[in-house]
Amino acid sequence: MSRMIQAYFHTENQAEDAKVLLLKYSPEMLEVGRLPDGFNGTGRVLLPFVDGVGTGGETNLNNGVGIVGVMPTVETHSSEAYWDEDEDALHYVLSAKVSDADYPAVVDLLRRNHAHMEKIE
């Protein structure tokens, strides 16, 4: 099975960079488009992860996995309460169809690369 995904960006460069990064997951129907009126979602918005904030770096010696100073943004915001000036600035959308198995990794990759995403339940 596969799932559709949409991610919203401030700039075309951010969207195109994310598009290139997604190629390793072999997505279907991968495209970037411009939204003339900006993002107008009605759901809750997952904000991008914020790099360079947190407790610093540490490494798990058991598996060699390192944690770089990243503060995950797990909070969601209602679209109505979302910052208007920021919402209007989201003029680019990346759309793709990815496998169910890759979906969590794709969401993580996109959010680490400036993507705003609607949380669909």
N, C-alpha and C. Protein backbone atom coordinates (compact mmCIF):
# COMPACT_ATOMS: atom_id res chain seq x y z
N MET A 1 0.84 -1.19 0.00
CA MET A 1 0.00 0.00 0.00
C MET A 1 0.88 1.24 0.00
N SER A 2 0.29 2.34 -0.39
CA SER A 2 1.01 3.60 -0.40
C SER A 2 0.09 4.72 0.08
N ARG A 3 0.73 5.82 0.47
CA ARG A 3 0.00 6.96 1.01
C ARG A 3 0.43 8.23 0.30
N MET A 4 -0.53 9.11 0.11
CA MET A 4 -0.22 10.45 -0.43
C MET A 4 0.29 11.32 0.70
N ILE A 5 1.19 12.21 0.35
CA ILE A 5 1.74 13.13 1.33
C ILE A 5 1.88 14.50 0.67
N GLN A 6 1.62 15.55 1.45
CA GLN A 6 1.81 16.92 0.98
C GLN A 6 2.56 17.68 2.05
N ALA A 7 3.55 18.44 1.61
CA ALA A 7 4.35 19.26 2.51
C ALA A 7 4.41 20.66 1.93
N TYR A 8 4.34 21.65 2.80
CA TYR A 8 4.29 23.05 2.38
C TYR A 8 5.58 23.76 2.79
N PHE A 9 6.06 24.65 1.90
CA PHE A 9 7.34 25.32 2.10
C PHE A 9 7.22 26.81 1.83
N HIS A 10 8.15 27.56 2.41
CA HIS A 10 8.21 29.00 2.18
C HIS A 10 8.76 29.32 0.80
N THR A 11 9.81 28.61 0.39
CA THR A 11 10.47 28.93 -0.87
C THR A 11 10.48 27.73 -1.82
N GLU A 12 10.63 28.03 -3.09
CA GLU A 12 10.73 26.98 -4.10
C GLU A 12 12.00 26.16 -3.89
N ASN A 13 13.09 26.81 -3.48
CA ASN A 13 14.34 26.09 -3.24
C ASN A 13 14.17 25.05 -2.14
N GLN A 14 13.49 25.40 -1.06
CA GLN A 14 13.25 24.44 0.02
C GLN A 14 12.47 23.24 -0.50
N ALA A 15 11.44 23.50 -1.28
CA ALA A 15 10.61 22.42 -1.82
C ALA A 15 11.41 21.54 -2.78
N GLU A 16 12.20 22.15 -3.65
CA GLU A 16 12.99 21.38 -4.61
C GLU A 16 14.09 20.57 -3.92
N ASP A 17 14.70 21.14 -2.89
CA ASP A 17 15.71 20.40 -2.12
C ASP A 17 15.10 19.17 -1.46
N ALA A 18 13.92 19.34 -0.88
CA ALA A 18 13.23 18.21 -0.25
C ALA A 18 12.86 17.16 -1.30
N LYS A 19 12.47 17.60 -2.46
CA LYS A 19 12.12 16.69 -3.55
C LYS A 19 13.30 15.79 -3.90
N VAL A 20 14.47 16.37 -4.01
CA VAL A 20 15.68 15.60 -4.32
C VAL A 20 15.97 14.59 -3.20
N LEU A 21 15.82 15.01 -1.96
CA LEU A 21 16.07 14.10 -0.83
C LEU A 21 15.10 12.92 -0.80
N LEU A 22 13.87 13.14 -1.27
CA LEU A 22 12.86 12.07 -1.26
C LEU A 22 13.11 11.00 -2.32
N LEU A 23 13.94 11.28 -3.29
CA LEU A 23 14.18 10.31 -4.36
C LEU A 23 14.69 8.97 -3.84
N LYS A 24 15.39 8.96 -2.69
CA LYS A 24 15.90 7.69 -2.17
C LYS A 24 14.78 6.74 -1.72
N TYR A 25 13.57 7.26 -1.56
CA TYR A 25 12.42 6.43 -1.18
C TYR A 25 11.60 5.98 -2.38
N SER A 26 12.04 6.30 -3.57
CA SER A 26 11.36 5.93 -4.82
C SER A 26 9.87 6.28 -4.80
N PRO A 27 9.56 7.56 -4.57
CA PRO A 27 8.15 7.96 -4.52
C PRO A 27 7.52 7.96 -5.91
N GLU A 28 6.21 7.86 -5.93
CA GLU A 28 5.45 8.00 -7.17
C GLU A 28 4.84 9.39 -7.19
N MET A 29 4.53 9.89 -8.37
CA MET A 29 3.85 11.18 -8.54
C MET A 29 4.49 12.30 -7.74
N LEU A 30 5.80 12.38 -7.76
CA LEU A 30 6.54 13.40 -7.02
C LEU A 30 6.56 14.70 -7.81
N GLU A 31 6.03 15.76 -7.21
CA GLU A 31 6.01 17.05 -7.90
C GLU A 31 5.99 18.20 -6.91
N VAL A 32 6.46 19.35 -7.38
CA VAL A 32 6.43 20.59 -6.61
C VAL A 32 5.59 21.58 -7.38
N GLY A 33 4.71 22.27 -6.67
CA GLY A 33 3.86 23.26 -7.31
C GLY A 33 3.77 24.53 -6.49
N ARG A 34 3.33 25.59 -7.13
CA ARG A 34 3.15 26.88 -6.46
C ARG A 34 1.68 27.07 -6.13
N LEU A 35 1.42 27.56 -4.93
CA LEU A 35 0.07 27.89 -4.48
C LEU A 35 -0.09 29.40 -4.56
N PRO A 36 -0.80 29.92 -5.54
CA PRO A 36 -0.90 31.38 -5.72
C PRO A 36 -1.42 32.12 -4.49
N ASP A 37 -2.35 31.51 -3.78
CA ASP A 37 -2.93 32.16 -2.61
C ASP A 37 -2.29 31.72 -1.30
N GLY A 38 -1.28 30.89 -1.37
CA GLY A 38 -0.64 30.39 -0.16
C GLY A 38 -1.41 29.24 0.46
N PHE A 39 -0.86 28.69 1.51
CA PHE A 39 -1.46 27.57 2.22
C PHE A 39 -2.78 27.99 2.85
N ASN A 40 -3.82 27.19 2.65
CA ASN A 40 -5.12 27.51 3.25
C ASN A 40 -5.74 26.27 3.88
N GLY A 41 -4.90 25.46 4.52
CA GLY A 41 -5.37 24.23 5.12
C GLY A 41 -6.37 24.45 6.22
N THR A 42 -7.17 23.44 6.47
CA THR A 42 -8.18 23.53 7.50
C THR A 42 -7.87 22.61 8.67
N GLY A 43 -6.81 21.82 8.55
CA GLY A 43 -6.46 20.88 9.61
C GLY A 43 -5.46 21.48 10.57
N ARG A 44 -4.78 20.59 11.30
CA ARG A 44 -3.75 21.02 12.23
C ARG A 44 -2.41 20.95 11.50
N VAL A 45 -1.49 21.86 11.83
CA VAL A 45 -0.22 21.96 11.13
C VAL A 45 0.90 21.41 12.00
N LEU A 46 1.70 20.50 11.44
CA LEU A 46 2.93 20.04 12.08
C LEU A 46 4.05 20.94 11.61
N LEU A 47 4.71 21.60 12.54
CA LEU A 47 5.77 22.53 12.18
C LEU A 47 7.06 21.78 11.90
N PRO A 48 7.99 22.41 11.18
CA PRO A 48 9.29 21.76 10.94
C PRO A 48 10.05 21.57 12.24
N PHE A 49 10.97 20.61 12.23
CA PHE A 49 11.87 20.44 13.36
C PHE A 49 12.81 21.63 13.40
N VAL A 50 13.25 22.01 14.60
CA VAL A 50 14.15 23.14 14.77
C VAL A 50 15.54 22.60 15.03
N ASP A 51 16.47 22.85 14.12
CA ASP A 51 17.85 22.40 14.29
C ASP A 51 18.63 23.36 15.17
N GLY A 52 19.64 22.81 15.83
CA GLY A 52 20.55 23.63 16.61
C GLY A 52 20.01 24.04 17.96
N VAL A 53 18.90 23.47 18.39
CA VAL A 53 18.34 23.79 19.69
C VAL A 53 18.25 22.50 20.48
N GLY A 54 18.55 22.55 21.73
CA GLY A 54 18.42 21.35 22.53
C GLY A 54 19.59 21.20 23.48
N THR A 55 19.85 19.97 23.84
CA THR A 55 20.85 19.71 24.87
C THR A 55 22.23 19.46 24.30
N GLY A 56 22.41 19.52 23.01
CA GLY A 56 23.72 19.26 22.43
C GLY A 56 23.76 17.86 21.84
N GLY A 57 24.94 17.40 21.54
CA GLY A 57 25.07 16.10 20.90
C GLY A 57 25.43 15.02 21.90
N GLU A 58 24.95 13.83 21.63
CA GLU A 58 25.33 12.68 22.43
C GLU A 58 25.22 11.46 21.54
N THR A 59 25.97 10.43 21.89
CA THR A 59 25.99 9.22 21.08
C THR A 59 25.68 8.02 21.95
N ASN A 60 24.85 7.13 21.46
CA ASN A 60 24.56 5.88 22.13
C ASN A 60 25.68 4.92 21.77
N LEU A 61 26.48 4.52 22.74
CA LEU A 61 27.63 3.68 22.46
C LEU A 61 27.23 2.26 22.07
N ASN A 62 26.02 1.84 22.38
CA ASN A 62 25.57 0.49 22.04
C ASN A 62 25.31 0.33 20.56
N ASN A 63 24.76 1.35 19.93
CA ASN A 63 24.43 1.22 18.52
C ASN A 63 25.08 2.27 17.64
N GLY A 64 25.85 3.19 18.22
CA GLY A 64 26.55 4.19 17.43
C GLY A 64 25.67 5.28 16.86
N VAL A 65 24.43 5.33 17.28
CA VAL A 65 23.51 6.35 16.78
C VAL A 65 23.74 7.64 17.56
N GLY A 66 23.97 8.71 16.85
CA GLY A 66 24.20 9.99 17.50
C GLY A 66 22.95 10.85 17.48
N ILE A 67 22.83 11.69 18.47
CA ILE A 67 21.72 12.63 18.53
C ILE A 67 22.32 14.02 18.41
N VAL A 68 22.01 14.70 17.36
CA VAL A 68 22.49 16.06 17.16
C VAL A 68 21.50 16.99 17.83
N GLY A 69 21.96 18.14 18.29
CA GLY A 69 21.10 19.06 19.03
C GLY A 69 19.83 19.44 18.29
N VAL A 70 18.83 18.61 18.38
CA VAL A 70 17.57 18.86 17.69
C VAL A 70 16.45 18.81 18.70
N MET A 71 15.58 19.79 18.62
CA MET A 71 14.41 19.80 19.49
C MET A 71 13.21 19.45 18.62
N PRO A 72 12.65 18.24 18.78
CA PRO A 72 11.52 17.87 17.93
C PRO A 72 10.30 18.72 18.25
N THR A 73 9.62 19.10 17.21
CA THR A 73 8.40 19.89 17.35
C THR A 73 7.23 18.95 17.17
N VAL A 74 6.70 18.45 18.24
CA VAL A 74 5.61 17.48 18.14
C VAL A 74 4.26 18.15 18.35
N GLU A 75 4.28 19.37 18.81
CA GLU A 75 3.04 20.09 19.04
C GLU A 75 2.40 20.46 17.71
N THR A 76 1.09 20.44 17.69
CA THR A 76 0.38 20.87 16.50
C THR A 76 -0.41 22.13 16.83
N HIS A 77 -0.76 22.86 15.80
CA HIS A 77 -1.51 24.10 15.98
C HIS A 77 -2.73 24.06 15.08
N SER A 78 -3.80 24.61 15.55
CA SER A 78 -4.98 24.75 14.72
C SER A 78 -4.67 25.74 13.61
N SER A 79 -5.14 25.47 12.40
CA SER A 79 -4.88 26.38 11.29
C SER A 79 -5.42 27.78 11.57
N GLU A 80 -6.55 27.86 12.27
CA GLU A 80 -7.12 29.17 12.55
C GLU A 80 -6.21 29.96 13.50
N ALA A 81 -5.54 29.28 14.41
CA ALA A 81 -4.69 29.96 15.37
C ALA A 81 -3.26 30.08 14.88
N TYR A 82 -2.96 29.50 13.75
CA TYR A 82 -1.61 29.52 13.20
C TYR A 82 -1.25 30.94 12.79
N TRP A 83 0.02 31.29 12.90
CA TRP A 83 0.44 32.64 12.60
C TRP A 83 0.11 33.00 11.16
N ASP A 84 -0.72 34.01 10.98
CA ASP A 84 -1.19 34.40 9.65
C ASP A 84 -0.05 34.76 8.71
N GLU A 85 0.92 35.55 9.21
CA GLU A 85 2.00 35.97 8.31
C GLU A 85 2.83 34.77 7.86
N ASP A 86 2.97 33.75 8.70
CA ASP A 86 3.72 32.56 8.33
C ASP A 86 2.91 31.70 7.38
N GLU A 87 1.63 31.55 7.65
CA GLU A 87 0.77 30.74 6.79
C GLU A 87 0.72 31.30 5.38
N ASP A 88 0.62 32.60 5.25
CA ASP A 88 0.55 33.22 3.93
C ASP A 88 1.84 33.05 3.17
N ALA A 89 2.95 32.84 3.88
CA ALA A 89 4.24 32.72 3.22
C ALA A 89 4.49 31.31 2.68
N LEU A 90 3.63 30.36 2.97
CA LEU A 90 3.81 28.99 2.49
C LEU A 90 3.19 28.87 1.10
N HIS A 91 3.97 29.15 0.09
CA HIS A 91 3.46 29.20 -1.29
C HIS A 91 3.85 28.01 -2.14
N TYR A 92 4.60 27.05 -1.60
CA TYR A 92 5.03 25.91 -2.40
C TYR A 92 4.61 24.61 -1.73
N VAL A 93 4.14 23.69 -2.53
CA VAL A 93 3.69 22.40 -2.01
C VAL A 93 4.43 21.28 -2.75
N LEU A 94 4.87 20.31 -1.99
CA LEU A 94 5.47 19.11 -2.54
C LEU A 94 4.47 17.98 -2.33
N SER A 95 4.15 17.27 -3.39
CA SER A 95 3.21 16.15 -3.31
C SER A 95 3.91 14.89 -3.77
N ALA A 96 3.63 13.79 -3.10
CA ALA A 96 4.23 12.51 -3.48
C ALA A 96 3.38 11.38 -2.94
N LYS A 97 3.57 10.22 -3.52
CA LYS A 97 2.94 9.00 -3.04
C LYS A 97 4.08 8.09 -2.60
N VAL A 98 4.07 7.70 -1.32
CA VAL A 98 5.15 6.88 -0.76
C VAL A 98 4.56 5.62 -0.14
N SER A 99 5.40 4.62 0.00
CA SER A 99 4.93 3.36 0.59
C SER A 99 4.61 3.56 2.06
N ASP A 100 3.70 2.75 2.57
CA ASP A 100 3.34 2.82 3.99
C ASP A 100 4.56 2.62 4.88
N ALA A 101 5.46 1.72 4.47
CA ALA A 101 6.65 1.43 5.26
C ALA A 101 7.58 2.64 5.35
N ASP A 102 7.65 3.44 4.29
CA ASP A 102 8.54 4.60 4.25
C ASP A 102 7.90 5.86 4.82
N TYR A 103 6.60 5.86 5.03
CA TYR A 103 5.88 7.07 5.42
C TYR A 103 6.47 7.77 6.65
N PRO A 104 6.72 7.07 7.77
CA PRO A 104 7.28 7.78 8.93
C PRO A 104 8.64 8.42 8.64
N ALA A 105 9.49 7.73 7.90
CA ALA A 105 10.81 8.27 7.57
C ALA A 105 10.68 9.48 6.64
N VAL A 106 9.75 9.43 5.72
CA VAL A 106 9.53 10.54 4.80
C VAL A 106 9.03 11.77 5.56
N VAL A 107 8.09 11.59 6.47
CA VAL A 107 7.59 12.71 7.27
C VAL A 107 8.73 13.31 8.08
N ASP A 108 9.55 12.48 8.69
CA ASP A 108 10.69 12.95 9.48
C ASP A 108 11.66 13.73 8.59
N LEU A 109 11.98 13.19 7.42
CA LEU A 109 12.90 13.85 6.49
C LEU A 109 12.36 15.21 6.06
N LEU A 110 11.08 15.27 5.72
CA LEU A 110 10.48 16.52 5.28
C LEU A 110 10.48 17.56 6.39
N ARG A 111 10.10 17.16 7.59
CA ARG A 111 10.04 18.12 8.70
C ARG A 111 11.42 18.60 9.09
N ARG A 112 12.44 17.79 8.87
CA ARG A 112 13.82 18.22 9.13
C ARG A 112 14.34 19.14 8.04
N ASN A 113 13.58 19.29 6.97
CA ASN A 113 13.99 20.12 5.85
C ASN A 113 12.95 21.20 5.53
N HIS A 114 12.49 21.87 6.58
CA HIS A 114 11.64 23.07 6.49
C HIS A 114 10.19 22.83 6.09
N ALA A 115 9.72 21.60 6.10
CA ALA A 115 8.34 21.32 5.66
C ALA A 115 7.34 21.58 6.79
N HIS A 116 6.23 22.20 6.40
CA HIS A 116 5.05 22.32 7.26
C HIS A 116 4.06 21.30 6.68
N MET A 117 3.46 20.52 7.54
CA MET A 117 2.57 19.47 7.05
C MET A 117 1.26 19.50 7.81
N GLU A 118 0.18 19.20 7.09
CA GLU A 118 -1.11 19.08 7.75
C GLU A 118 -1.19 17.70 8.37
N LYS A 119 -1.63 17.65 9.61
CA LYS A 119 -1.82 16.37 10.27
C LYS A 119 -3.19 15.85 9.89
N ILE A 120 -3.20 14.73 9.20
CA ILE A 120 -4.46 14.12 8.76
C ILE A 120 -4.63 12.84 9.56
N GLU A 121 -5.77 12.72 10.23
CA GLU A 121 -5.98 11.56 11.10
C GLU A 121 -6.98 10.62 10.50
